[in-house]
Amino acid sequence: MRKVTIIGAGNVGATIAYTLAVEGVANEIVIIDIKKEKAEGEAIDIGQGGLFFREDVRIVSGDYEDAVDSDIVVITSGMARKPGMTRLDLAQTNVNILCSIAPQITKYAPDAIYLIVSNPVDVMTYVFHKITNIPESRIIGSGNSLDTARLRYWLASRFNISQQNVHAYVFGEHGDSSFVPWSQAAICTTMVEDYYKALEGKEIDKTAAEEYVRKSGAEVIKRKGATFYAVACAAVHMCKVIFSGVDTALSVSVMMHGEYGVEDVCLSTISIVGEEGIRAQIPAKLTEEETAKLHHSAECLKNVINQITYQ
């Protein structure tokens, strides 16, 4: 059995549940939400499509005790940032929600791998570390997995090449201080800059690429009111990686312990994720400028963390 519990039945949580079911990633899915009827409605709606799934899936709504024996718990609970709300306001509001959820879910699923998706994801991942006894290897923030997908989408579109041939990552905060370590970016085995010069005879517009990554979420929200498909795909991919047992390099948010000179903060670099969660961080050979950007990103996150309460 592959059991996933999803906390939060909003757009993101429901889309994750739907995708897990349709693709047969999990064969038991539990949706938990303070709005019990909403969770029940999502479970029924998805379950009624079961005839067309790849395999049989049991999908139900429930309470925290129904999360017993979960392999993975995905936390999506929280509110979206509203007009006039500062980044700090959002962080404190969603941290308060996380603090109310964490002791209840970890009581019933102490051995699960926890995937934190709620925003601000790096802050939420950090707080989850501090308020629970879950081992660090089993706490993963979705971090810049989505940003990395957006970057590869942009590069693949420019090069008219499959995204599978693009090897580039977004590091740091899932937010304004994120950055692309271009020294590590390649198309197949050729550095992105060299590949672009060979095709176009000019320098690639790195600023445009990074601006796209940072602002595309807001552009989607402006057009349709919310983003949930792509982040759900990222979360489901992480579940696939965990269940497959095949180690995979992902740009996810993890606790730092001196890597790159950064510690006591959660942010994204390259980590190896497998069936036991985080196996290791892979040290990238960043330039001095890139290392400075990572330090800046860490300081931006610490500034928020130092202003919130979570005890």
C-alpha atoms as a PDB file:
ATOM      1  CA  MET A   1       0.000   0.000   0.000  1.00  0.00           C
ATOM      2  CA  ARG A   2       1.096   3.552  -0.758  1.00  0.00           C
ATOM      3  CA  LYS A   3      -0.814   5.891   1.534  1.00  0.00           C
ATOM      4  CA  VAL A   4      -0.775   9.681   1.261  1.00  0.00           C
ATOM      5  CA  THR A   5      -2.615  12.054   3.573  1.00  0.00           C
ATOM      6  CA  ILE A   6      -3.250  15.584   2.369  1.00  0.00           C
ATOM      7  CA  ILE A   7      -3.908  18.354   4.870  1.00  0.00           C
ATOM      8  CA  GLY A   8      -5.938  21.052   3.151  1.00  0.00           C
ATOM      9  CA  ALA A   9      -8.711  20.617   0.574  1.00  0.00           C
ATOM     10  CA  GLY A  10      -8.221  23.904  -1.258  1.00  0.00           C
ATOM     11  CA  ASN A  11      -7.202  24.166  -4.905  1.00  0.00           C
ATOM     12  CA  VAL A  12      -3.674  22.906  -4.297  1.00  0.00           C
ATOM     13  CA  GLY A  13      -4.604  20.050  -1.968  1.00  0.00           C
ATOM     14  CA  ALA A  14      -7.497  18.869  -4.134  1.00  0.00           C
ATOM     15  CA  THR A  15      -5.389  18.987  -7.302  1.00  0.00           C
ATOM     16  CA  ILE A  16      -2.644  16.973  -5.612  1.00  0.00           C
ATOM     17  CA  ALA A  17      -5.216  14.377  -4.535  1.00  0.00           C
ATOM     18  CA  TYR A  18      -6.692  14.229  -8.036  1.00  0.00           C
ATOM     19  CA  THR A  19      -3.297  13.842  -9.720  1.00  0.00           C
ATOM     20  CA  LEU A  20      -2.115  11.202  -7.256  1.00  0.00           C
ATOM     21  CA  ALA A  21      -5.284   9.219  -7.943  1.00  0.00           C
ATOM     22  CA  VAL A  22      -5.361   9.556 -11.725  1.00  0.00           C
ATOM     23  CA  GLU A  23      -1.690   8.636 -12.101  1.00  0.00           C
ATOM     24  CA  GLY A  24      -1.899   5.771  -9.621  1.00  0.00           C
ATOM     25  CA  VAL A  25       0.899   7.175  -7.466  1.00  0.00           C
ATOM     26  CA  ALA A  26      -0.961   6.302  -4.260  1.00  0.00           C
ATOM     27  CA  ASN A  27      -3.612   3.674  -3.752  1.00  0.00           C
ATOM     28  CA  GLU A  28      -4.926   5.185  -0.532  1.00  0.00           C
ATOM     29  CA  ILE A  29      -5.522   8.922  -0.180  1.00  0.00           C
ATOM     30  CA  VAL A  30      -6.962  10.742   2.828  1.00  0.00           C
ATOM     31  CA  ILE A  31      -8.034  14.402   2.590  1.00  0.00           C
ATOM     32  CA  ILE A  32      -8.297  16.344   5.838  1.00  0.00           C
ATOM     33  CA  ASP A  33      -9.618  19.889   6.146  1.00  0.00           C
ATOM     34  CA  ILE A  34     -11.244  22.005   8.828  1.00  0.00           C
ATOM     35  CA  LYS A  35     -14.043  22.405   6.277  1.00  0.00           C
ATOM     36  CA  LYS A  36     -15.152  18.790   6.490  1.00  0.00           C
ATOM     37  CA  GLU A  37     -17.851  19.033   3.830  1.00  0.00           C
ATOM     38  CA  LYS A  38     -15.377  20.515   1.355  1.00  0.00           C
ATOM     39  CA  ALA A  39     -12.956  17.642   1.976  1.00  0.00           C
ATOM     40  CA  GLU A  40     -15.773  15.110   1.645  1.00  0.00           C
ATOM     41  CA  GLY A  41     -16.956  16.678  -1.596  1.00  0.00           C
ATOM     42  CA  GLU A  42     -13.469  16.580  -3.111  1.00  0.00           C
ATOM     43  CA  ALA A  43     -12.993  12.939  -2.109  1.00  0.00           C
ATOM     44  CA  ILE A  44     -16.334  11.904  -3.603  1.00  0.00           C
ATOM     45  CA  ASP A  45     -15.803  13.889  -6.802  1.00  0.00           C
ATOM     46  CA  ILE A  46     -12.356  12.412  -7.413  1.00  0.00           C
ATOM     47  CA  GLY A  47     -13.383   8.909  -6.343  1.00  0.00           C
ATOM     48  CA  GLN A  48     -16.276   8.815  -8.777  1.00  0.00           C
ATOM     49  CA  GLY A  49     -13.746   8.912 -11.600  1.00  0.00           C
ATOM     50  CA  GLY A  50     -12.105   5.753 -10.290  1.00  0.00           C
ATOM     51  CA  LEU A  51     -13.270   3.624 -13.185  1.00  0.00           C
ATOM     52  CA  PHE A  52     -10.815   5.529 -15.382  1.00  0.00           C
ATOM     53  CA  PHE A  53      -7.790   5.519 -13.062  1.00  0.00           C
ATOM     54  CA  ARG A  54      -4.687   3.458 -13.821  1.00  0.00           C
ATOM     55  CA  GLU A  55      -5.361   1.319 -10.781  1.00  0.00           C
ATOM     56  CA  ASP A  56      -7.798   1.040  -7.895  1.00  0.00           C
ATOM     57  CA  VAL A  57      -7.536   3.922  -5.442  1.00  0.00           C
ATOM     58  CA  ARG A  58      -9.294   4.355  -2.121  1.00  0.00           C
ATOM     59  CA  ILE A  59      -9.863   8.067  -1.560  1.00  0.00           C
ATOM     60  CA  VAL A  60     -11.687   9.386   1.497  1.00  0.00           C
ATOM     61  CA  SER A  61     -12.030  12.456   3.650  1.00  0.00           C
ATOM     62  CA  GLY A  62     -11.338  12.075   7.324  1.00  0.00           C
ATOM     63  CA  ASP A  63      -9.833  13.311  10.555  1.00  0.00           C
ATOM     64  CA  TYR A  64      -6.279  13.219  11.846  1.00  0.00           C
ATOM     65  CA  GLU A  65      -6.620   9.680  13.216  1.00  0.00           C
ATOM     66  CA  ASP A  66      -7.314   8.496   9.664  1.00  0.00           C
ATOM     67  CA  ALA A  67      -3.720   9.407   8.770  1.00  0.00           C
ATOM     68  CA  VAL A  68      -2.399   6.380  10.680  1.00  0.00           C
ATOM     69  CA  ASP A  69       0.185   4.439   8.650  1.00  0.00           C
ATOM     70  CA  SER A  70       0.584   7.213   6.061  1.00  0.00           C
ATOM     71  CA  ASP A  71       3.783   6.967   4.053  1.00  0.00           C
ATOM     72  CA  ILE A  72       3.637  10.636   3.093  1.00  0.00           C
ATOM     73  CA  VAL A  73       1.774  13.605   4.570  1.00  0.00           C
ATOM     74  CA  VAL A  74       1.406  16.646   2.321  1.00  0.00           C
ATOM     75  CA  ILE A  75       0.619  19.901   4.122  1.00  0.00           C
ATOM     76  CA  THR A  76      -1.073  22.517   1.936  1.00  0.00           C
ATOM     77  CA  SER A  77      -3.117  24.350   4.592  1.00  0.00           C
ATOM     78  CA  GLY A  78      -2.915  28.102   4.786  1.00  0.00           C
ATOM     79  CA  MET A  79      -4.338  31.202   3.258  1.00  0.00           C
ATOM     80  CA  ALA A  80      -3.245  33.008   0.127  1.00  0.00           C
ATOM     81  CA  ARG A  81      -1.803  36.488   0.382  1.00  0.00           C
ATOM     82  CA  LYS A  82      -4.554  39.092   0.147  1.00  0.00           C
ATOM     83  CA  PRO A  83      -4.333  42.697  -1.074  1.00  0.00           C
ATOM     84  CA  GLY A  84      -2.762  44.873   1.603  1.00  0.00           C
ATOM     85  CA  MET A  85      -1.310  41.890   3.473  1.00  0.00           C
ATOM     86  CA  THR A  86       2.436  42.048   4.015  1.00  0.00           C
ATOM     87  CA  ARG A  87       4.704  39.064   3.519  1.00  0.00           C
ATOM     88  CA  LEU A  88       5.224  39.014   7.289  1.00  0.00           C
ATOM     89  CA  ASP A  89       1.468  39.023   7.938  1.00  0.00           C
ATOM     90  CA  LEU A  90       1.062  36.024   5.654  1.00  0.00           C
ATOM     91  CA  ALA A  91       3.940  34.201   7.320  1.00  0.00           C
ATOM     92  CA  GLN A  92       2.538  34.651  10.820  1.00  0.00           C
ATOM     93  CA  THR A  93      -0.999  33.704   9.805  1.00  0.00           C
ATOM     94  CA  ASN A  94       0.080  30.496   8.097  1.00  0.00           C
ATOM     95  CA  VAL A  95       2.571  29.637  10.832  1.00  0.00           C
ATOM     96  CA  ASN A  96      -0.287  29.869  13.333  1.00  0.00           C
ATOM     97  CA  ILE A  97      -2.268  27.416  11.209  1.00  0.00           C
ATOM     98  CA  LEU A  98       0.733  25.069  10.963  1.00  0.00           C
ATOM     99  CA  CYS A  99       1.257  25.179  14.729  1.00  0.00           C
ATOM    100  CA  SER A 100      -2.324  24.040  15.262  1.00  0.00           C
ATOM    101  CA  ILE A 101      -2.007  21.217  12.715  1.00  0.00           C
ATOM    102  CA  ALA A 102       1.454  19.819  13.460  1.00  0.00           C
ATOM    103  CA  PRO A 103       0.888  18.182  16.878  1.00  0.00           C
ATOM    104  CA  GLN A 104      -2.328  16.550  15.697  1.00  0.00           C
ATOM    105  CA  ILE A 105      -1.026  15.039  12.479  1.00  0.00           C
ATOM    106  CA  THR A 106       2.371  13.942  13.852  1.00  0.00           C
ATOM    107  CA  LYS A 107       0.580  12.138  16.705  1.00  0.00           C
ATOM    108  CA  TYR A 108      -1.041   9.770  14.227  1.00  0.00           C
ATOM    109  CA  ALA A 109       1.616   9.681  11.493  1.00  0.00           C
ATOM    110  CA  PRO A 110       4.963   9.853  13.322  1.00  0.00           C
ATOM    111  CA  ASP A 111       6.775   7.743  10.733  1.00  0.00           C
ATOM    112  CA  ALA A 112       5.595   9.550   7.593  1.00  0.00           C
ATOM    113  CA  ILE A 113       7.684  11.726   5.306  1.00  0.00           C
ATOM    114  CA  TYR A 114       6.312  15.266   5.539  1.00  0.00           C
ATOM    115  CA  LEU A 115       6.079  17.361   2.405  1.00  0.00           C
ATOM    116  CA  ILE A 116       5.441  21.036   3.189  1.00  0.00           C
ATOM    117  CA  VAL A 117       3.795  22.968   0.358  1.00  0.00           C
ATOM    118  CA  SER A 118       2.103  25.845   2.227  1.00  0.00           C
ATOM    119  CA  ASN A 119       3.593  29.307   1.704  1.00  0.00           C
ATOM    120  CA  PRO A 120       5.880  30.922   2.625  1.00  0.00           C
ATOM    121  CA  VAL A 121       7.236  27.413   2.189  1.00  0.00           C
ATOM    122  CA  ASP A 122      10.784  27.943   3.483  1.00  0.00           C
ATOM    123  CA  VAL A 123       9.535  29.584   6.679  1.00  0.00           C
ATOM    124  CA  MET A 124       6.852  26.912   7.122  1.00  0.00           C
ATOM    125  CA  THR A 125       9.398  24.139   6.610  1.00  0.00           C
ATOM    126  CA  TYR A 126      11.723  25.734   9.175  1.00  0.00           C
ATOM    127  CA  VAL A 127       8.948  26.073  11.749  1.00  0.00           C
ATOM    128  CA  PHE A 128       7.853  22.466  11.208  1.00  0.00           C
ATOM    129  CA  HIS A 129      11.404  21.397  12.062  1.00  0.00           C
ATOM    130  CA  LYS A 130      11.309  23.427  15.264  1.00  0.00           C
ATOM    131  CA  ILE A 131       7.882  22.400  16.577  1.00  0.00           C
ATOM    132  CA  THR A 132       7.958  18.655  15.846  1.00  0.00           C
ATOM    133  CA  ASN A 133      10.154  15.676  16.617  1.00  0.00           C
ATOM    134  CA  ILE A 134      10.109  14.416  13.030  1.00  0.00           C
ATOM    135  CA  PRO A 135      13.677  13.632  11.875  1.00  0.00           C
ATOM    136  CA  GLU A 136      15.129  16.212   9.493  1.00  0.00           C
ATOM    137  CA  SER A 137      15.507  13.661   6.715  1.00  0.00           C
ATOM    138  CA  ARG A 138      11.728  13.246   6.658  1.00  0.00           C
ATOM    139  CA  ILE A 139      10.837  16.930   6.364  1.00  0.00           C
ATOM    140  CA  ILE A 140      10.911  18.329   2.820  1.00  0.00           C
ATOM    141  CA  GLY A 141       9.719  21.727   1.683  1.00  0.00           C
ATOM    142  CA  SER A 142       8.571  21.917  -1.935  1.00  0.00           C
ATOM    143  CA  GLY A 143      10.874  24.939  -2.106  1.00  0.00           C
ATOM    144  CA  ASN A 144      12.109  25.818  -5.565  1.00  0.00           C
ATOM    145  CA  SER A 145      10.980  22.627  -7.266  1.00  0.00           C
ATOM    146  CA  LEU A 146       8.254  24.693  -8.954  1.00  0.00           C
ATOM    147  CA  ASP A 147      10.641  27.565  -9.716  1.00  0.00           C
ATOM    148  CA  THR A 148      13.035  25.086 -11.287  1.00  0.00           C
ATOM    149  CA  ALA A 149      10.220  23.736 -13.457  1.00  0.00           C
ATOM    150  CA  ARG A 150       9.358  27.279 -14.522  1.00  0.00           C
ATOM    151  CA  LEU A 151      12.995  27.978 -15.380  1.00  0.00           C
ATOM    152  CA  ARG A 152      13.279  24.823 -17.471  1.00  0.00           C
ATOM    153  CA  TYR A 153       9.998  25.663 -19.200  1.00  0.00           C
ATOM    154  CA  TRP A 154      11.408  29.098 -20.148  1.00  0.00           C
ATOM    155  CA  LEU A 155      14.725  27.695 -21.357  1.00  0.00           C
ATOM    156  CA  ALA A 156      13.122  24.820 -23.268  1.00  0.00           C
ATOM    157  CA  SER A 157      10.795  27.266 -25.004  1.00  0.00           C
ATOM    158  CA  ARG A 158      13.723  29.488 -26.029  1.00  0.00           C
ATOM    159  CA  PHE A 159      15.749  26.570 -27.341  1.00  0.00           C
ATOM    160  CA  ASN A 160      12.796  24.632 -28.771  1.00  0.00           C
ATOM    161  CA  ILE A 161      14.093  21.565 -26.967  1.00  0.00           C
ATOM    162  CA  SER A 162      12.572  19.039 -24.581  1.00  0.00           C
ATOM    163  CA  GLN A 163      12.513  20.119 -20.947  1.00  0.00           C
ATOM    164  CA  GLN A 164      14.106  16.738 -20.192  1.00  0.00           C
ATOM    165  CA  ASN A 165      17.302  18.016 -21.841  1.00  0.00           C
ATOM    166  CA  VAL A 166      17.481  21.117 -19.637  1.00  0.00           C
ATOM    167  CA  HIS A 167      19.554  20.753 -16.475  1.00  0.00           C
ATOM    168  CA  ALA A 168      19.235  23.940 -14.461  1.00  0.00           C
ATOM    169  CA  TYR A 169      18.038  24.755 -10.957  1.00  0.00           C
ATOM    170  CA  VAL A 170      16.738  27.658  -8.892  1.00  0.00           C
ATOM    171  CA  PHE A 171      18.414  28.099  -5.488  1.00  0.00           C
ATOM    172  CA  GLY A 172      17.585  29.998  -2.318  1.00  0.00           C
ATOM    173  CA  GLU A 173      14.249  31.243  -1.094  1.00  0.00           C
ATOM    174  CA  HIS A 174      11.028  30.383  -2.865  1.00  0.00           C
ATOM    175  CA  GLY A 175      10.460  34.076  -3.401  1.00  0.00           C
ATOM    176  CA  ASP A 176      12.014  37.366  -4.409  1.00  0.00           C
ATOM    177  CA  SER A 177      15.589  36.513  -3.376  1.00  0.00           C
ATOM    178  CA  SER A 178      15.760  33.273  -5.369  1.00  0.00           C
ATOM    179  CA  PHE A 179      18.417  33.031  -8.075  1.00  0.00           C
ATOM    180  CA  VAL A 180      19.716  30.777 -10.830  1.00  0.00           C
ATOM    181  CA  PRO A 181      23.277  29.464 -10.400  1.00  0.00           C
ATOM    182  CA  TRP A 182      24.112  29.754 -14.095  1.00  0.00           C
ATOM    183  CA  SER A 183      27.489  28.135 -13.514  1.00  0.00           C
ATOM    184  CA  GLN A 184      25.542  24.891 -13.024  1.00  0.00           C
ATOM    185  CA  ALA A 185      23.030  25.297 -15.878  1.00  0.00           C
ATOM    186  CA  ALA A 186      23.384  23.073 -18.946  1.00  0.00           C
ATOM    187  CA  ILE A 187      21.567  21.858 -22.024  1.00  0.00           C
ATOM    188  CA  CYS A 188      22.477  18.180 -22.262  1.00  0.00           C
ATOM    189  CA  THR A 189      26.219  18.401 -21.485  1.00  0.00           C
ATOM    190  CA  THR A 190      26.792  21.929 -22.793  1.00  0.00           C
ATOM    191  CA  MET A 191      26.667  24.991 -20.569  1.00  0.00           C
ATOM    192  CA  VAL A 192      23.572  27.108 -21.280  1.00  0.00           C
ATOM    193  CA  GLU A 193      25.614  30.171 -22.226  1.00  0.00           C
ATOM    194  CA  ASP A 194      27.711  28.222 -24.743  1.00  0.00           C
ATOM    195  CA  TYR A 195      24.660  26.466 -26.160  1.00  0.00           C
ATOM    196  CA  TYR A 196      22.836  29.772 -26.671  1.00  0.00           C
ATOM    197  CA  LYS A 197      25.853  31.428 -28.284  1.00  0.00           C
ATOM    198  CA  ALA A 198      26.183  28.538 -30.709  1.00  0.00           C
ATOM    199  CA  LEU A 199      22.523  28.851 -31.718  1.00  0.00           C
ATOM    200  CA  GLU A 200      21.940  32.595 -31.569  1.00  0.00           C
ATOM    201  CA  GLY A 201      25.406  34.111 -31.638  1.00  0.00           C
ATOM    202  CA  LYS A 202      24.706  36.257 -28.572  1.00  0.00           C
ATOM    203  CA  GLU A 203      24.476  36.165 -24.785  1.00  0.00           C
ATOM    204  CA  ILE A 204      21.403  34.651 -23.155  1.00  0.00           C
ATOM    205  CA  ASP A 205      19.228  37.130 -21.271  1.00  0.00           C
ATOM    206  CA  LYS A 206      19.710  35.806 -17.760  1.00  0.00           C
ATOM    207  CA  THR A 207      17.771  38.675 -16.209  1.00  0.00           C
ATOM    208  CA  ALA A 208      14.719  37.901 -18.326  1.00  0.00           C
ATOM    209  CA  ALA A 209      14.888  34.246 -17.332  1.00  0.00           C
ATOM    210  CA  GLU A 210      15.067  34.988 -13.613  1.00  0.00           C
ATOM    211  CA  GLU A 211      12.362  37.651 -13.820  1.00  0.00           C
ATOM    212  CA  TYR A 212      10.117  35.105 -15.540  1.00  0.00           C
ATOM    213  CA  VAL A 213      10.685  32.625 -12.736  1.00  0.00           C
ATOM    214  CA  ARG A 214       9.969  35.166 -10.005  1.00  0.00           C
ATOM    215  CA  LYS A 215       6.951  36.829 -11.631  1.00  0.00           C
ATOM    216  CA  SER A 216       5.202  34.065 -13.562  1.00  0.00           C
ATOM    217  CA  GLY A 217       3.210  32.967 -10.520  1.00  0.00           C
ATOM    218  CA  ALA A 218       1.826  36.474 -10.097  1.00  0.00           C
ATOM    219  CA  GLU A 219       1.054  36.625 -13.809  1.00  0.00           C
ATOM    220  CA  VAL A 220      -0.967  33.413 -13.584  1.00  0.00           C
ATOM    221  CA  ILE A 221      -2.822  34.716 -10.528  1.00  0.00           C
ATOM    222  CA  LYS A 222      -3.623  37.932 -12.383  1.00  0.00           C
ATOM    223  CA  ARG A 223      -5.154  35.920 -15.211  1.00  0.00           C
ATOM    224  CA  LYS A 224      -7.001  33.140 -13.376  1.00  0.00           C
ATOM    225  CA  GLY A 225      -6.953  34.053  -9.687  1.00  0.00           C
ATOM    226  CA  ALA A 226      -4.687  31.307  -8.357  1.00  0.00           C
ATOM    227  CA  THR A 227      -1.898  28.876  -9.202  1.00  0.00           C
ATOM    228  CA  PHE A 228      -2.316  25.203  -8.386  1.00  0.00           C
ATOM    229  CA  TYR A 229      -1.696  22.876 -11.344  1.00  0.00           C
ATOM    230  CA  ALA A 230       2.073  23.289 -11.579  1.00  0.00           C
ATOM    231  CA  VAL A 231       2.725  23.188  -7.839  1.00  0.00           C
ATOM    232  CA  ALA A 232       0.520  20.093  -7.591  1.00  0.00           C
ATOM    233  CA  CYS A 233       2.606  18.456 -10.323  1.00  0.00           C
ATOM    234  CA  ALA A 234       5.750  19.272  -8.357  1.00  0.00           C
ATOM    235  CA  ALA A 235       4.327  17.767  -5.159  1.00  0.00           C
ATOM    236  CA  VAL A 236       3.120  14.639  -6.954  1.00  0.00           C
ATOM    237  CA  HIS A 237       6.532  14.234  -8.592  1.00  0.00           C
ATOM    238  CA  MET A 238       8.138  14.243  -5.149  1.00  0.00           C
ATOM    239  CA  CYS A 239       5.694  11.568  -4.013  1.00  0.00           C
ATOM    240  CA  LYS A 240       6.595   9.506  -7.097  1.00  0.00           C
ATOM    241  CA  VAL A 241      10.287   9.840  -6.288  1.00  0.00           C
ATOM    242  CA  ILE A 242       9.746   8.683  -2.702  1.00  0.00           C
ATOM    243  CA  PHE A 243       7.613   5.702  -3.686  1.00  0.00           C
ATOM    244  CA  SER A 244       9.874   4.692  -6.571  1.00  0.00           C
ATOM    245  CA  GLY A 245      12.892   4.175  -4.346  1.00  0.00           C
ATOM    246  CA  VAL A 246      15.094   5.734  -7.031  1.00  0.00           C
ATOM    247  CA  ASP A 247      17.231   8.590  -5.714  1.00  0.00           C
ATOM    248  CA  THR A 248      16.567  11.849  -7.552  1.00  0.00           C
ATOM    249  CA  ALA A 249      18.176  15.305  -7.460  1.00  0.00           C
ATOM    250  CA  LEU A 250      15.630  18.001  -6.615  1.00  0.00           C
ATOM    251  CA  SER A 251      15.755  21.671  -5.661  1.00  0.00           C
ATOM    252  CA  VAL A 252      13.792  21.396  -2.404  1.00  0.00           C
ATOM    253  CA  SER A 253      13.827  23.279   0.873  1.00  0.00           C
ATOM    254  CA  VAL A 254      15.817  21.597   3.641  1.00  0.00           C
ATOM    255  CA  MET A 255      17.504  22.621   6.875  1.00  0.00           C
ATOM    256  CA  MET A 256      21.007  23.972   6.338  1.00  0.00           C
ATOM    257  CA  HIS A 257      23.886  23.043   8.621  1.00  0.00           C
ATOM    258  CA  GLY A 258      26.802  25.045   7.296  1.00  0.00           C
ATOM    259  CA  GLU A 259      26.538  24.037   3.640  1.00  0.00           C
ATOM    260  CA  TYR A 260      27.828  26.949   1.525  1.00  0.00           C
ATOM    261  CA  GLY A 261      28.345  28.773   4.850  1.00  0.00           C
ATOM    262  CA  VAL A 262      24.602  28.845   5.558  1.00  0.00           C
ATOM    263  CA  GLU A 263      22.996  27.408   8.673  1.00  0.00           C
ATOM    264  CA  ASP A 264      19.801  27.338  10.753  1.00  0.00           C
ATOM    265  CA  VAL A 265      17.473  28.203   7.907  1.00  0.00           C
ATOM    266  CA  CYS A 266      15.561  26.210   5.304  1.00  0.00           C
ATOM    267  CA  LEU A 267      16.061  26.998   1.627  1.00  0.00           C
ATOM    268  CA  SER A 268      16.598  25.235  -1.672  1.00  0.00           C
ATOM    269  CA  THR A 269      19.816  23.825  -3.061  1.00  0.00           C
ATOM    270  CA  ILE A 270      20.240  20.428  -4.723  1.00  0.00           C
ATOM    271  CA  SER A 271      19.259  17.518  -2.498  1.00  0.00           C
ATOM    272  CA  ILE A 272      18.994  13.812  -3.179  1.00  0.00           C
ATOM    273  CA  VAL A 273      15.488  12.576  -2.387  1.00  0.00           C
ATOM    274  CA  GLY A 274      14.633   8.885  -2.105  1.00  0.00           C
ATOM    275  CA  GLU A 275      12.389   6.434  -0.291  1.00  0.00           C
ATOM    276  CA  GLU A 276      13.629   7.559   3.138  1.00  0.00           C
ATOM    277  CA  GLY A 277      13.297  11.259   2.356  1.00  0.00           C
ATOM    278  CA  ILE A 278      16.356  13.504   2.159  1.00  0.00           C
ATOM    279  CA  ARG A 279      19.456  11.349   1.702  1.00  0.00           C
ATOM    280  CA  ALA A 280      22.026  14.097   1.220  1.00  0.00           C
ATOM    281  CA  GLN A 281      22.709  17.547  -0.136  1.00  0.00           C
ATOM    282  CA  ILE A 282      24.881  17.631  -3.223  1.00  0.00           C
ATOM    283  CA  PRO A 283      27.484  20.428  -3.066  1.00  0.00           C
ATOM    284  CA  ALA A 284      27.419  22.530  -6.217  1.00  0.00           C
ATOM    285  CA  LYS A 285      30.560  24.446  -7.146  1.00  0.00           C
ATOM    286  CA  LEU A 286      29.039  27.908  -6.933  1.00  0.00           C
ATOM    287  CA  THR A 287      30.922  31.024  -7.940  1.00  0.00           C
ATOM    288  CA  GLU A 288      31.651  33.678  -5.322  1.00  0.00           C
ATOM    289  CA  GLU A 289      28.804  35.782  -6.687  1.00  0.00           C
ATOM    290  CA  GLU A 290      26.375  32.870  -6.509  1.00  0.00           C
ATOM    291  CA  THR A 291      27.437  32.027  -2.960  1.00  0.00           C
ATOM    292  CA  ALA A 292      26.838  35.660  -1.983  1.00  0.00           C
ATOM    293  CA  LYS A 293      23.341  35.465  -3.493  1.00  0.00           C
ATOM    294  CA  LEU A 294      22.620  32.329  -1.478  1.00  0.00           C
ATOM    295  CA  HIS A 295      23.766  34.086   1.703  1.00  0.00           C
ATOM    296  CA  HIS A 296      21.545  37.057   0.873  1.00  0.00           C
ATOM    297  CA  SER A 297      18.580  34.746   0.358  1.00  0.00           C
ATOM    298  CA  ALA A 298      19.251  33.093   3.710  1.00  0.00           C
ATOM    299  CA  GLU A 299      19.365  36.475   5.439  1.00  0.00           C
ATOM    300  CA  CYS A 300      16.052  37.497   3.864  1.00  0.00           C
ATOM    301  CA  LEU A 301      14.442  34.358   5.269  1.00  0.00           C
ATOM    302  CA  LYS A 302      16.045  34.760   8.687  1.00  0.00           C
ATOM    303  CA  ASN A 303      14.712  38.296   8.840  1.00  0.00           C
ATOM    304  CA  VAL A 304      11.166  36.933   8.521  1.00  0.00           C
ATOM    305  CA  ILE A 305      11.772  34.037  10.913  1.00  0.00           C
ATOM    306  CA  ASN A 306      13.121  36.396  13.572  1.00  0.00           C
ATOM    307  CA  GLN A 307       9.891  38.400  13.464  1.00  0.00           C
ATOM    308  CA  ILE A 308       7.403  35.554  13.842  1.00  0.00           C
ATOM    309  CA  THR A 309       6.368  33.497  16.858  1.00  0.00           C
ATOM    310  CA  TYR A 310       5.856  29.766  16.719  1.00  0.00           C
ATOM    311  CA  GLN A 311       6.102  28.422  20.248  1.00  0.00           C
END
